[in-house]
Amino acid sequence: MAQLKYIHTKSGFTIWPDMTNVWHKHMANLTREEVISAGFCIYDGESFHCFGGSESLGIQSKPGDSEALTTFFEQTTS
């Protein structure tokens, strides 16, 4: 399972590979939205598991991010 980075904004989630040089603050600047939470996640084939935080934004993942990201992913891919 590859580790991913994510940001959570009012309009949803943005995820991308952790192995890139794109920081959380770079992605936040691209979305131009207030970031609610950010961190890292792993997808196990059924659900996302969020953890950690963003040093570049100075915020952490929040309880409920895993469930919210899984629901968001299911809604946008079906």
Protein backbone atom coordinates (compact mmCIF):
# COMPACT_ATOMS: atom_id res chain seq x y z
CA MET A 1 0.00 0.00 0.00
CA ALA A 2 1.36 3.37 -1.00
CA GLN A 3 1.22 6.24 1.42
CA LEU A 4 -0.65 9.28 0.15
CA LYS A 5 -0.95 12.90 1.26
CA TYR A 6 -4.30 14.64 1.61
CA ILE A 7 -5.94 17.95 2.35
CA HIS A 8 -9.55 18.34 3.40
CA THR A 9 -11.40 21.50 2.37
CA LYS A 10 -15.09 22.49 2.45
CA SER A 11 -15.57 21.12 -1.06
CA GLY A 12 -13.94 17.76 -0.35
CA PHE A 13 -10.59 16.04 -0.38
CA THR A 14 -7.51 16.19 -2.57
CA ILE A 15 -5.11 13.24 -2.43
CA TRP A 16 -1.75 12.68 -4.16
CA PRO A 17 1.29 10.38 -3.83
CA ASP A 18 3.56 11.02 -0.86
CA MET A 19 6.63 10.30 -3.00
CA THR A 20 6.31 13.63 -4.83
CA ASN A 21 7.87 16.94 -3.81
CA VAL A 22 4.42 18.53 -3.62
CA TRP A 23 3.83 19.73 -0.07
CA HIS A 24 0.46 20.20 1.58
CA LYS A 25 0.83 23.99 1.29
CA HIS A 26 1.41 23.70 -2.47
CA MET A 27 -1.84 21.79 -2.94
CA ALA A 28 -3.68 24.17 -0.60
CA ASN A 29 -2.53 27.10 -2.73
CA LEU A 30 -3.85 25.37 -5.86
CA THR A 31 -7.30 24.76 -4.36
CA ARG A 32 -7.54 28.33 -3.02
CA GLU A 33 -9.77 27.05 -0.23
CA GLU A 34 -9.41 27.00 3.52
CA VAL A 35 -7.92 23.70 4.62
CA ILE A 36 -9.86 22.02 7.42
CA SER A 37 -7.34 19.24 8.05
CA ALA A 38 -4.38 17.60 6.34
CA GLY A 39 -2.04 14.69 6.73
CA PHE A 40 -1.28 11.30 5.29
CA CYS A 41 -3.46 8.34 4.38
CA ILE A 42 -3.32 4.76 3.22
CA TYR A 43 -6.01 3.03 1.16
CA ASP A 44 -6.38 -0.66 1.98
CA GLY A 45 -8.70 -1.45 -0.93
CA GLU A 46 -11.84 -0.81 1.10
CA SER A 47 -11.27 2.34 3.14
CA PHE A 48 -8.84 5.15 3.85
CA HIS A 49 -6.90 5.44 7.08
CA CYS A 50 -5.81 9.04 7.82
CA PHE A 51 -3.09 10.00 10.27
CA GLY A 52 -0.40 12.56 11.07
CA GLY A 53 -0.48 16.14 9.93
CA SER A 54 1.05 18.79 7.73
CA GLU A 55 4.18 20.57 8.85
CA SER A 56 3.93 23.08 5.99
CA LEU A 57 0.37 24.07 6.99
CA GLY A 58 0.76 23.53 10.73
CA ILE A 59 -2.42 21.44 11.07
CA GLN A 60 -3.25 17.82 11.88
CA SER A 61 -5.59 15.17 10.59
CA LYS A 62 -8.86 15.12 12.52
CA PRO A 63 -11.00 12.35 13.96
CA GLY A 64 -13.49 11.42 11.29
CA ASP A 65 -11.18 12.17 8.34
CA SER A 66 -10.81 8.46 7.53
CA GLU A 67 -14.56 7.91 7.29
CA ALA A 68 -15.17 11.21 5.46
CA LEU A 69 -12.43 10.52 2.89
CA THR A 70 -13.72 6.98 2.29
CA THR A 71 -17.26 8.32 1.74
CA PHE A 72 -15.99 11.12 -0.53
CA PHE A 73 -13.98 8.61 -2.59
CA GLU A 74 -16.94 6.25 -2.93
CA GLN A 75 -19.24 9.10 -4.05
CA THR A 76 -16.81 10.47 -6.62
CA THR A 77 -15.90 7.10 -8.16
CA SER A 78 -19.37 5.56 -8.48
